[in-house]
N, C-alpha and C. Protein backbone atom coordinates (compact mmCIF):
# COMPACT_ATOMS: atom_id res chain seq x y z
N UNK A 1 105.06 23.52 22.61
CA UNK A 1 105.25 23.94 21.22
C UNK A 1 104.16 24.93 20.84
N UNK A 2 104.62 26.11 20.28
CA UNK A 2 103.64 27.14 19.94
C UNK A 2 102.83 26.75 18.73
N UNK A 3 101.56 27.11 18.79
CA UNK A 3 100.67 26.80 17.67
C UNK A 3 100.92 27.80 16.55
N UNK A 4 101.10 27.29 15.36
CA UNK A 4 101.33 28.12 14.20
C UNK A 4 100.04 28.29 13.40
N UNK A 5 99.89 29.45 12.79
CA UNK A 5 98.75 29.70 11.90
C UNK A 5 99.30 30.03 10.52
N UNK A 6 98.37 30.26 9.60
CA UNK A 6 98.79 30.62 8.25
C UNK A 6 99.55 31.93 8.24
N UNK A 7 99.33 32.76 9.32
CA UNK A 7 100.01 34.05 9.38
C UNK A 7 101.19 34.02 10.35
N UNK A 8 101.56 32.81 10.82
CA UNK A 8 102.65 32.72 11.77
C UNK A 8 102.14 32.80 13.19
N UNK A 9 103.05 33.06 14.13
CA UNK A 9 102.70 33.08 15.55
C UNK A 9 101.85 34.29 15.92
N UNK A 10 101.99 35.41 15.21
CA UNK A 10 101.24 36.64 15.52
C UNK A 10 100.35 37.03 14.35
N UNK A 11 99.05 36.73 14.40
CA UNK A 11 98.15 37.12 13.32
C UNK A 11 98.11 38.63 13.18
N UNK A 12 97.78 39.17 12.00
CA UNK A 12 97.83 40.63 11.74
C UNK A 12 96.85 41.42 12.60
N UNK A 13 95.77 40.79 13.10
CA UNK A 13 94.81 41.55 13.89
C UNK A 13 95.22 41.68 15.35
N UNK A 14 96.34 41.04 15.75
CA UNK A 14 96.76 41.08 17.16
C UNK A 14 97.11 42.51 17.57
N UNK A 15 97.77 43.26 16.70
CA UNK A 15 98.14 44.63 17.06
C UNK A 15 96.91 45.51 17.22
N UNK A 16 95.83 45.20 16.45
CA UNK A 16 94.60 45.97 16.59
C UNK A 16 93.91 45.66 17.92
N UNK A 17 94.01 44.38 18.33
CA UNK A 17 93.44 44.02 19.64
C UNK A 17 94.18 44.72 20.76
N UNK A 18 95.51 44.80 20.64
CA UNK A 18 96.28 45.49 21.67
C UNK A 18 95.94 46.98 21.70
N UNK A 19 95.79 47.58 20.53
CA UNK A 19 95.46 49.00 20.46
C UNK A 19 94.08 49.26 21.05
N UNK A 20 93.12 48.37 20.74
CA UNK A 20 91.77 48.52 21.27
C UNK A 20 91.76 48.38 22.79
N UNK A 21 92.56 47.43 23.30
CA UNK A 21 92.64 47.25 24.75
C UNK A 21 93.22 48.49 25.42
N UNK A 22 94.24 49.08 24.80
CA UNK A 22 94.85 50.29 25.36
C UNK A 22 93.87 51.45 25.35
N UNK A 23 93.07 51.57 24.27
CA UNK A 23 92.08 52.64 24.18
C UNK A 23 90.99 52.48 25.24
N UNK A 24 90.54 51.24 25.43
CA UNK A 24 89.51 50.99 26.44
C UNK A 24 90.04 51.28 27.84
N UNK A 25 91.30 50.90 28.08
CA UNK A 25 91.91 51.19 29.38
C UNK A 25 92.03 52.68 29.63
N UNK A 26 92.43 53.43 28.60
CA UNK A 26 92.54 54.89 28.72
C UNK A 26 91.18 55.54 28.95
N UNK A 27 90.15 55.04 28.25
CA UNK A 27 88.80 55.57 28.41
C UNK A 27 88.29 55.34 29.83
N UNK A 28 88.51 54.11 30.34
CA UNK A 28 88.07 53.81 31.71
C UNK A 28 88.79 54.68 32.72
N UNK A 29 90.10 54.89 32.52
CA UNK A 29 90.87 55.74 33.43
C UNK A 29 90.39 57.18 33.39
N UNK A 30 90.07 57.67 32.18
CA UNK A 30 89.58 59.04 32.05
C UNK A 30 88.23 59.23 32.72
N UNK A 31 87.32 58.26 32.55
CA UNK A 31 86.01 58.34 33.20
C UNK A 31 86.15 58.30 34.72
N UNK A 32 87.04 57.45 35.21
CA UNK A 32 87.25 57.36 36.66
C UNK A 32 87.80 58.67 37.20
N UNK A 33 88.73 59.30 36.48
CA UNK A 33 89.30 60.57 36.93
C UNK A 33 88.23 61.67 36.94
N UNK A 34 87.34 61.64 35.95
CA UNK A 34 86.27 62.63 35.89
C UNK A 34 85.31 62.48 37.07
N UNK A 35 84.94 61.24 37.38
CA UNK A 35 84.05 61.00 38.51
C UNK A 35 84.68 61.48 39.81
N UNK A 36 85.97 61.17 39.99
CA UNK A 36 86.66 61.61 41.20
C UNK A 36 86.69 63.13 41.27
N UNK A 37 86.93 63.80 40.14
CA UNK A 37 86.98 65.27 40.12
C UNK A 37 85.64 65.87 40.48
N UNK A 38 84.55 65.28 39.98
CA UNK A 38 83.22 65.81 40.26
C UNK A 38 82.84 65.61 41.72
N UNK A 39 83.29 64.50 42.30
CA UNK A 39 82.95 64.22 43.70
C UNK A 39 83.86 64.95 44.68
N UNK A 40 85.00 65.44 44.21
CA UNK A 40 85.97 66.06 45.11
C UNK A 40 85.65 67.50 45.42
N UNK A 41 84.77 68.13 44.69
CA UNK A 41 84.45 69.53 44.95
C UNK A 41 83.94 70.22 43.70
N UNK A 42 84.29 71.50 43.58
CA UNK A 42 83.78 72.30 42.48
C UNK A 42 84.91 72.75 41.57
N UNK A 43 85.75 71.82 41.17
CA UNK A 43 86.78 72.14 40.21
C UNK A 43 88.06 72.66 40.84
N UNK A 44 88.70 73.59 40.13
CA UNK A 44 90.01 74.08 40.52
C UNK A 44 89.89 75.40 41.31
N UNK A 45 91.06 75.96 41.65
CA UNK A 45 91.14 77.26 42.33
C UNK A 45 90.39 77.28 43.66
N UNK A 46 90.57 76.23 44.45
CA UNK A 46 89.92 76.17 45.76
C UNK A 46 90.59 77.15 46.72
N UNK A 47 89.78 77.73 47.60
CA UNK A 47 90.25 78.64 48.65
C UNK A 47 90.07 77.92 49.98
N UNK A 48 91.17 77.62 50.69
CA UNK A 48 91.10 76.80 51.89
C UNK A 48 91.53 77.58 53.13
N UNK A 49 90.81 77.31 54.22
CA UNK A 49 91.13 77.90 55.51
C UNK A 49 90.82 76.86 56.57
N UNK A 50 91.84 76.09 56.99
CA UNK A 50 91.59 75.00 57.92
C UNK A 50 90.68 73.96 57.27
N UNK A 51 89.61 73.54 57.94
CA UNK A 51 88.72 72.53 57.36
C UNK A 51 87.74 73.11 56.34
N UNK A 52 87.75 74.42 56.15
CA UNK A 52 86.78 75.10 55.28
C UNK A 52 87.36 75.30 53.88
N UNK A 53 86.54 75.04 52.86
CA UNK A 53 86.95 75.20 51.47
C UNK A 53 85.87 75.90 50.67
N UNK A 54 86.29 76.86 49.86
CA UNK A 54 85.37 77.57 48.96
C UNK A 54 85.95 77.56 47.56
N UNK A 55 85.10 77.76 46.57
CA UNK A 55 85.52 77.84 45.17
C UNK A 55 85.01 79.17 44.62
N UNK A 56 85.77 80.26 44.78
CA UNK A 56 85.30 81.60 44.39
C UNK A 56 84.93 81.73 42.92
N UNK A 57 85.62 80.98 42.05
CA UNK A 57 85.37 81.13 40.61
C UNK A 57 84.04 80.53 40.18
N UNK A 58 83.41 79.72 41.06
CA UNK A 58 82.16 79.07 40.69
C UNK A 58 81.07 80.09 40.36
N UNK A 59 81.05 81.20 41.09
CA UNK A 59 80.01 82.20 40.86
C UNK A 59 80.36 83.24 39.84
N UNK A 60 81.50 83.08 39.15
CA UNK A 60 81.93 84.07 38.17
C UNK A 60 81.86 83.56 36.75
N UNK A 61 82.20 84.42 35.80
CA UNK A 61 82.13 84.03 34.39
C UNK A 61 83.23 83.08 33.95
N UNK A 62 84.31 82.96 34.75
CA UNK A 62 85.45 82.12 34.37
C UNK A 62 85.40 80.75 35.02
N UNK A 63 84.21 80.24 35.26
CA UNK A 63 84.06 78.94 35.89
C UNK A 63 84.64 77.85 34.99
N UNK A 64 85.38 76.90 35.60
CA UNK A 64 86.01 75.85 34.80
C UNK A 64 85.01 74.73 34.50
N UNK A 65 85.29 73.88 33.50
CA UNK A 65 84.34 72.84 33.09
C UNK A 65 83.98 71.86 34.19
N UNK A 66 84.94 71.50 35.07
CA UNK A 66 84.65 70.55 36.14
C UNK A 66 83.67 71.16 37.13
N UNK A 67 83.88 72.43 37.47
CA UNK A 67 82.96 73.10 38.39
C UNK A 67 81.57 73.24 37.77
N UNK A 68 81.52 73.55 36.49
CA UNK A 68 80.23 73.66 35.81
C UNK A 68 79.48 72.33 35.82
N UNK A 69 80.21 71.24 35.61
CA UNK A 69 79.59 69.92 35.62
C UNK A 69 79.11 69.55 37.01
N UNK A 70 79.90 69.89 38.06
CA UNK A 70 79.50 69.58 39.43
C UNK A 70 78.24 70.32 39.81
N UNK A 71 78.12 71.58 39.40
CA UNK A 71 76.94 72.39 39.72
C UNK A 71 75.72 71.86 38.96
N UNK A 72 75.91 71.51 37.69
CA UNK A 72 74.80 70.96 36.92
C UNK A 72 74.31 69.65 37.53
N UNK A 73 75.23 68.89 38.08
CA UNK A 73 74.89 67.61 38.70
C UNK A 73 74.10 67.81 39.99
N UNK A 74 74.50 68.82 40.81
CA UNK A 74 73.85 69.04 42.10
C UNK A 74 72.61 69.92 42.00
N UNK A 75 72.54 70.77 40.96
CA UNK A 75 71.39 71.65 40.79
C UNK A 75 71.42 72.87 41.67
N UNK A 76 72.56 73.16 42.30
CA UNK A 76 72.64 74.31 43.20
C UNK A 76 72.80 75.61 42.43
N UNK A 77 72.49 76.73 43.12
CA UNK A 77 72.67 78.06 42.55
C UNK A 77 73.78 78.74 43.34
N UNK A 78 75.01 78.78 42.82
CA UNK A 78 76.14 79.32 43.57
C UNK A 78 76.04 80.83 43.74
N UNK A 79 76.70 81.34 44.79
CA UNK A 79 76.75 82.78 45.02
C UNK A 79 77.66 83.43 43.99
N UNK A 80 77.27 84.60 43.50
CA UNK A 80 78.12 85.36 42.61
C UNK A 80 79.26 85.99 43.38
N UNK A 81 80.35 86.35 42.71
CA UNK A 81 81.50 86.91 43.39
C UNK A 81 81.14 88.19 44.15
N UNK A 82 80.18 88.95 43.62
CA UNK A 82 79.79 90.20 44.28
C UNK A 82 78.76 89.97 45.39
N UNK A 83 78.29 88.75 45.56
CA UNK A 83 77.31 88.45 46.59
C UNK A 83 77.95 87.89 47.86
N UNK A 84 78.96 87.06 47.71
CA UNK A 84 79.59 86.46 48.88
C UNK A 84 80.32 85.19 48.53
N UNK A 85 80.62 84.40 49.57
CA UNK A 85 81.35 83.15 49.42
C UNK A 85 80.67 82.04 50.20
N UNK A 86 80.70 80.84 49.67
CA UNK A 86 80.15 79.67 50.35
C UNK A 86 81.29 78.71 50.65
N UNK A 87 81.51 78.44 51.95
CA UNK A 87 82.54 77.51 52.38
C UNK A 87 81.91 76.21 52.84
N UNK A 88 82.59 75.09 52.57
CA UNK A 88 82.11 73.77 52.97
C UNK A 88 83.19 73.08 53.81
N UNK A 89 82.76 72.42 54.88
CA UNK A 89 83.67 71.62 55.69
C UNK A 89 83.18 70.18 55.70
N UNK A 90 84.03 69.27 55.30
CA UNK A 90 83.70 67.84 55.33
C UNK A 90 84.44 67.12 56.45
N UNK A 91 85.30 67.85 57.16
CA UNK A 91 86.09 67.27 58.26
C UNK A 91 86.15 68.26 59.40
N UNK A 92 86.53 67.78 60.58
CA UNK A 92 86.68 68.68 61.71
C UNK A 92 88.06 69.34 61.66
N UNK A 93 88.38 70.15 62.67
CA UNK A 93 89.63 70.91 62.65
C UNK A 93 90.86 70.03 62.80
N UNK A 94 90.69 68.77 63.22
CA UNK A 94 91.82 67.84 63.31
C UNK A 94 92.01 67.06 62.02
N UNK A 95 91.09 67.22 61.07
CA UNK A 95 91.20 66.53 59.79
C UNK A 95 90.39 65.26 59.69
N UNK A 96 89.68 64.85 60.77
CA UNK A 96 88.86 63.64 60.74
C UNK A 96 87.53 63.92 60.05
N UNK A 97 87.06 63.03 59.18
CA UNK A 97 85.77 63.25 58.48
C UNK A 97 84.62 63.42 59.47
N UNK A 98 83.70 64.31 59.15
CA UNK A 98 82.52 64.51 59.99
C UNK A 98 81.67 63.26 60.00
N UNK A 99 81.21 62.87 61.18
CA UNK A 99 80.47 61.62 61.37
C UNK A 99 79.21 61.91 62.17
N UNK A 100 78.06 61.50 61.66
CA UNK A 100 76.79 61.75 62.32
C UNK A 100 76.66 61.06 63.66
N UNK A 101 77.50 60.06 63.93
CA UNK A 101 77.47 59.37 65.22
C UNK A 101 78.26 60.11 66.29
N UNK A 102 78.92 61.19 65.91
CA UNK A 102 79.73 61.97 66.85
C UNK A 102 79.07 63.31 67.14
N UNK A 103 79.52 63.94 68.23
CA UNK A 103 79.05 65.26 68.60
C UNK A 103 80.19 66.26 68.39
N UNK A 104 79.82 67.47 67.96
CA UNK A 104 80.82 68.48 67.65
C UNK A 104 80.43 69.82 68.25
N UNK A 105 81.45 70.62 68.50
CA UNK A 105 81.27 72.00 68.91
C UNK A 105 81.86 72.88 67.82
N UNK A 106 81.04 73.80 67.31
CA UNK A 106 81.50 74.76 66.30
C UNK A 106 81.59 76.12 66.99
N UNK A 107 82.79 76.64 67.09
CA UNK A 107 83.04 77.83 67.90
C UNK A 107 83.57 78.96 67.03
N UNK A 108 83.09 80.19 67.36
CA UNK A 108 83.59 81.38 66.65
C UNK A 108 85.12 81.44 66.75
N UNK A 109 85.80 82.26 65.96
CA UNK A 109 85.31 83.46 65.29
C UNK A 109 84.80 83.20 63.88
N UNK A 110 84.39 84.30 63.23
CA UNK A 110 83.95 84.27 61.85
C UNK A 110 84.59 85.41 61.08
N UNK A 111 84.89 85.21 59.80
CA UNK A 111 85.40 86.31 58.99
C UNK A 111 84.37 87.43 58.91
N UNK A 112 84.79 88.64 58.66
CA UNK A 112 83.83 89.74 58.55
C UNK A 112 82.86 89.53 57.40
N UNK A 113 81.59 89.77 57.66
CA UNK A 113 80.54 89.65 56.64
C UNK A 113 79.32 90.42 57.14
N UNK A 114 78.56 90.98 56.23
CA UNK A 114 77.35 91.70 56.64
C UNK A 114 76.31 90.73 57.19
N UNK A 115 76.31 89.51 56.64
CA UNK A 115 75.34 88.49 57.06
C UNK A 115 75.95 87.13 56.78
N UNK A 116 75.67 86.15 57.65
CA UNK A 116 76.19 84.80 57.42
C UNK A 116 75.17 83.75 57.84
N UNK A 117 75.31 82.56 57.28
CA UNK A 117 74.50 81.41 57.68
C UNK A 117 75.43 80.23 57.88
N UNK A 118 75.07 79.37 58.83
CA UNK A 118 75.83 78.16 59.11
C UNK A 118 74.83 77.01 59.21
N UNK A 119 74.97 76.01 58.36
CA UNK A 119 73.95 74.96 58.28
C UNK A 119 74.58 73.60 58.02
N UNK A 120 73.76 72.55 58.26
CA UNK A 120 74.14 71.18 57.94
C UNK A 120 73.50 70.79 56.61
N UNK A 121 74.16 69.90 55.90
CA UNK A 121 73.61 69.41 54.63
C UNK A 121 74.18 68.02 54.35
N UNK A 122 73.55 67.32 53.43
CA UNK A 122 74.09 66.06 52.97
C UNK A 122 75.32 66.35 52.10
N UNK A 123 76.18 65.37 51.86
CA UNK A 123 77.35 65.61 51.01
C UNK A 123 76.99 66.14 49.63
N UNK A 124 75.77 65.86 49.16
CA UNK A 124 75.35 66.36 47.85
C UNK A 124 74.67 67.73 47.94
N UNK A 125 74.55 68.28 49.17
CA UNK A 125 73.97 69.61 49.33
C UNK A 125 72.51 69.64 49.70
N UNK A 126 71.88 68.50 49.95
CA UNK A 126 70.46 68.46 50.30
C UNK A 126 70.22 68.67 51.78
N UNK A 127 68.96 68.90 52.13
CA UNK A 127 68.59 69.08 53.52
C UNK A 127 68.61 67.74 54.25
N UNK A 128 68.94 67.79 55.54
CA UNK A 128 68.97 66.58 56.35
C UNK A 128 67.73 66.54 57.23
N UNK A 129 66.96 65.47 57.11
CA UNK A 129 65.77 65.31 57.93
C UNK A 129 66.19 65.14 59.38
N UNK A 130 65.63 65.97 60.27
CA UNK A 130 65.99 65.87 61.68
C UNK A 130 64.77 66.19 62.54
N UNK A 131 64.73 65.70 63.78
CA UNK A 131 63.54 65.86 64.63
C UNK A 131 63.22 67.30 64.98
N UNK A 132 64.21 68.19 64.99
CA UNK A 132 63.96 69.59 65.35
C UNK A 132 63.43 70.40 64.18
N UNK A 133 63.61 69.93 62.97
CA UNK A 133 63.17 70.68 61.81
C UNK A 133 63.98 71.95 61.59
N UNK A 134 65.16 72.02 62.16
CA UNK A 134 66.03 73.18 61.97
C UNK A 134 67.27 72.74 61.19
N UNK A 135 67.62 73.56 60.20
CA UNK A 135 68.71 73.17 59.32
C UNK A 135 69.93 74.08 59.44
N UNK A 136 69.79 75.17 60.18
CA UNK A 136 70.93 76.06 60.32
C UNK A 136 70.61 77.27 61.17
N UNK A 137 71.64 78.09 61.39
CA UNK A 137 71.51 79.35 62.10
C UNK A 137 72.08 80.46 61.24
N UNK A 138 71.70 81.67 61.55
CA UNK A 138 72.23 82.83 60.84
C UNK A 138 72.75 83.85 61.85
N UNK A 139 73.38 84.89 61.37
CA UNK A 139 73.95 85.91 62.23
C UNK A 139 72.89 86.69 62.99
N UNK A 140 71.63 86.58 62.60
CA UNK A 140 70.58 87.33 63.29
C UNK A 140 69.81 86.48 64.30
N UNK A 141 69.89 85.16 64.24
CA UNK A 141 69.12 84.35 65.18
C UNK A 141 69.97 83.43 66.05
N UNK A 142 71.29 83.43 65.87
CA UNK A 142 72.14 82.61 66.72
C UNK A 142 72.22 83.22 68.12
N UNK A 143 72.22 82.37 69.13
CA UNK A 143 72.35 82.85 70.51
C UNK A 143 73.82 83.13 70.79
N UNK A 144 74.10 84.29 71.36
CA UNK A 144 75.48 84.71 71.57
C UNK A 144 75.84 84.79 73.04
N UNK A 145 77.11 84.58 73.31
CA UNK A 145 77.64 84.78 74.65
C UNK A 145 77.90 86.26 74.87
N UNK A 146 78.24 86.59 76.10
CA UNK A 146 78.63 87.97 76.38
C UNK A 146 79.89 88.30 75.61
N UNK A 147 79.86 89.39 74.90
CA UNK A 147 80.97 89.76 74.05
C UNK A 147 80.71 89.48 72.58
N UNK A 148 79.62 88.76 72.28
CA UNK A 148 79.24 88.55 70.89
C UNK A 148 79.63 87.22 70.30
N UNK A 149 80.41 86.40 71.03
CA UNK A 149 80.80 85.10 70.50
C UNK A 149 79.66 84.11 70.56
N UNK A 150 79.85 82.96 69.94
CA UNK A 150 78.81 81.93 69.94
C UNK A 150 79.44 80.55 69.91
N UNK A 151 78.65 79.57 70.28
CA UNK A 151 79.02 78.16 70.15
C UNK A 151 77.81 77.40 69.64
N UNK A 152 78.03 76.54 68.66
CA UNK A 152 76.97 75.73 68.08
C UNK A 152 77.33 74.26 68.30
N UNK A 153 76.37 73.48 68.81
CA UNK A 153 76.61 72.07 69.07
C UNK A 153 75.87 71.22 68.05
N UNK A 154 76.58 70.26 67.47
CA UNK A 154 75.98 69.30 66.54
C UNK A 154 75.87 67.97 67.26
N UNK A 155 74.66 67.48 67.46
CA UNK A 155 74.43 66.22 68.16
C UNK A 155 73.07 65.68 67.77
N UNK A 156 72.92 64.38 67.83
CA UNK A 156 71.64 63.76 67.47
C UNK A 156 70.54 64.09 68.47
N UNK A 157 70.93 64.22 69.74
CA UNK A 157 69.94 64.49 70.78
C UNK A 157 70.00 65.94 71.21
N UNK A 158 68.85 66.48 71.65
CA UNK A 158 68.69 67.90 71.92
C UNK A 158 69.71 68.43 72.92
N UNK A 159 70.16 69.65 72.67
CA UNK A 159 71.05 70.37 73.56
C UNK A 159 70.50 71.78 73.76
N UNK A 160 70.84 72.38 74.90
CA UNK A 160 70.44 73.77 75.13
C UNK A 160 71.26 74.69 74.25
N UNK A 161 70.68 75.83 73.90
CA UNK A 161 71.40 76.80 73.09
C UNK A 161 71.32 76.51 71.61
N UNK A 162 72.38 76.80 70.90
CA UNK A 162 72.44 76.61 69.45
C UNK A 162 72.73 75.14 69.15
N UNK A 163 71.71 74.43 68.70
CA UNK A 163 71.83 72.98 68.47
C UNK A 163 71.34 72.63 67.09
N UNK A 164 72.13 71.82 66.38
CA UNK A 164 71.73 71.26 65.10
C UNK A 164 71.89 69.75 65.17
N UNK A 165 70.93 69.04 64.57
CA UNK A 165 70.97 67.58 64.59
C UNK A 165 71.20 67.03 63.19
N UNK A 166 72.12 66.06 63.05
CA UNK A 166 72.30 65.40 61.77
C UNK A 166 71.29 64.29 61.53
N UNK A 167 70.31 64.16 62.46
CA UNK A 167 69.33 63.09 62.31
C UNK A 167 69.99 61.73 62.35
N UNK A 168 69.57 60.86 61.45
CA UNK A 168 70.15 59.53 61.37
C UNK A 168 71.26 59.44 60.33
N UNK A 169 71.61 60.58 59.74
CA UNK A 169 72.65 60.57 58.70
C UNK A 169 74.01 60.28 59.30
N UNK A 170 74.79 59.45 58.66
CA UNK A 170 76.16 59.18 59.10
C UNK A 170 77.14 60.17 58.49
N UNK A 171 76.81 60.65 57.29
CA UNK A 171 77.69 61.60 56.63
C UNK A 171 76.95 62.93 56.44
N UNK A 172 77.65 64.01 56.73
CA UNK A 172 77.09 65.34 56.53
C UNK A 172 78.22 66.32 56.32
N UNK A 173 77.89 67.52 55.88
CA UNK A 173 78.87 68.59 55.72
C UNK A 173 78.34 69.83 56.41
N UNK A 174 79.24 70.72 56.75
CA UNK A 174 78.87 72.03 57.29
C UNK A 174 79.03 73.06 56.19
N UNK A 175 78.05 73.94 56.05
CA UNK A 175 78.09 74.96 55.01
C UNK A 175 78.06 76.33 55.67
N UNK A 176 79.06 77.14 55.37
CA UNK A 176 79.16 78.50 55.89
C UNK A 176 79.08 79.46 54.71
N UNK A 177 78.04 80.27 54.71
CA UNK A 177 77.87 81.26 53.64
C UNK A 177 78.10 82.66 54.21
N UNK A 178 79.03 83.37 53.59
CA UNK A 178 79.36 84.73 53.99
C UNK A 178 78.84 85.68 52.92
N UNK A 179 77.88 86.52 53.28
CA UNK A 179 77.30 87.46 52.33
C UNK A 179 77.92 88.84 52.49
N UNK A 180 78.25 89.45 51.37
CA UNK A 180 78.83 90.79 51.36
C UNK A 180 80.05 90.84 52.28
N UNK A 181 81.02 90.00 51.96
CA UNK A 181 82.23 89.90 52.78
C UNK A 181 83.42 90.56 52.07
N UNK A 182 84.28 91.25 52.81
CA UNK A 182 85.46 91.85 52.20
C UNK A 182 86.64 90.86 52.10
N UNK A 183 86.40 89.59 52.35
CA UNK A 183 87.46 88.58 52.33
C UNK A 183 88.16 88.58 50.97
N UNK A 184 89.46 88.66 50.99
CA UNK A 184 90.26 88.68 49.77
C UNK A 184 90.39 87.26 49.22
N UNK A 185 89.77 87.01 48.09
CA UNK A 185 89.80 85.66 47.51
C UNK A 185 91.10 85.38 46.77
N UNK A 186 91.92 86.40 46.58
CA UNK A 186 93.19 86.19 45.89
C UNK A 186 94.33 85.92 46.87
N UNK A 187 94.03 85.97 48.16
CA UNK A 187 95.03 85.69 49.19
C UNK A 187 94.56 84.53 50.04
N UNK A 188 95.50 83.82 50.64
CA UNK A 188 95.14 82.70 51.50
C UNK A 188 94.56 83.23 52.81
N UNK A 189 93.31 82.90 53.13
CA UNK A 189 92.72 83.42 54.37
C UNK A 189 93.33 82.77 55.60
N UNK A 190 93.28 83.48 56.72
CA UNK A 190 93.81 82.99 57.97
C UNK A 190 92.82 82.00 58.59
N UNK A 191 93.23 80.73 58.78
CA UNK A 191 92.32 79.74 59.38
C UNK A 191 91.83 80.14 60.77
N UNK A 192 92.61 80.98 61.48
CA UNK A 192 92.23 81.38 62.83
C UNK A 192 91.05 82.35 62.84
N UNK A 193 90.66 82.84 61.67
CA UNK A 193 89.50 83.73 61.60
C UNK A 193 88.22 82.97 61.23
N UNK A 194 88.32 81.63 61.11
CA UNK A 194 87.18 80.79 60.76
C UNK A 194 86.76 79.95 61.96
N UNK A 195 85.51 79.50 61.99
CA UNK A 195 85.04 78.68 63.12
C UNK A 195 85.85 77.39 63.26
N UNK A 196 86.12 77.01 64.50
CA UNK A 196 86.78 75.74 64.79
C UNK A 196 85.72 74.66 64.95
N UNK A 197 85.98 73.49 64.40
CA UNK A 197 85.06 72.35 64.50
C UNK A 197 85.74 71.30 65.38
N UNK A 198 85.27 71.17 66.61
CA UNK A 198 85.93 70.32 67.60
C UNK A 198 85.06 69.11 67.90
N UNK A 199 85.61 67.90 67.74
CA UNK A 199 84.88 66.69 68.06
C UNK A 199 84.81 66.54 69.58
N UNK A 200 83.60 66.30 70.10
CA UNK A 200 83.41 66.14 71.54
C UNK A 200 83.45 64.68 71.95
N UNK A 201 82.60 63.85 71.33
CA UNK A 201 82.58 62.42 71.63
C UNK A 201 81.81 61.71 70.53
N UNK A 202 81.91 60.40 70.49
CA UNK A 202 81.20 59.59 69.50
C UNK A 202 80.43 58.47 70.20
N UNK A 203 79.33 58.08 69.59
CA UNK A 203 78.50 57.01 70.17
C UNK A 203 79.21 55.68 70.03
């Protein structure tokens, strides 16, 4: 038997409780969506080429609010549109997330650029402590094969040639910065013109 009150089975404040619950649920959902958006990258208008992703609008005047919030959160200084493009890879060329316990080969080619850098970083963009004290290579100091190509190996233990170590980090990203590049940001770039990230083995 239902309990009756002076106001009947449904007191007048019940609808306000339901409305408040709906508002709180909507607020929680909105906050969760915002957090996911900030952690997913630098907002909208992403430029993708295989495992590599760039956000060209980040360095321009038309930056969207999500990208602005992500940059304010990380403290980075993005490249301007007239300076170049910064690409980030969080996975290898097969789509598997990059793992510090695995070894990788990063093989040319590279899009045309006057100067480029290729480095490791934490997912938040910080430097990774490693025994070699080296955080990346550039187009002027990378060791090249005959013909101008190159191969870079990512492994915890030393390798001959171009070697980068993720240290003890389990998660890392690869950052490719292309300075003074003629790459068309309004067209989808060809993934075959970007470095391939090939998993070799895992511990």
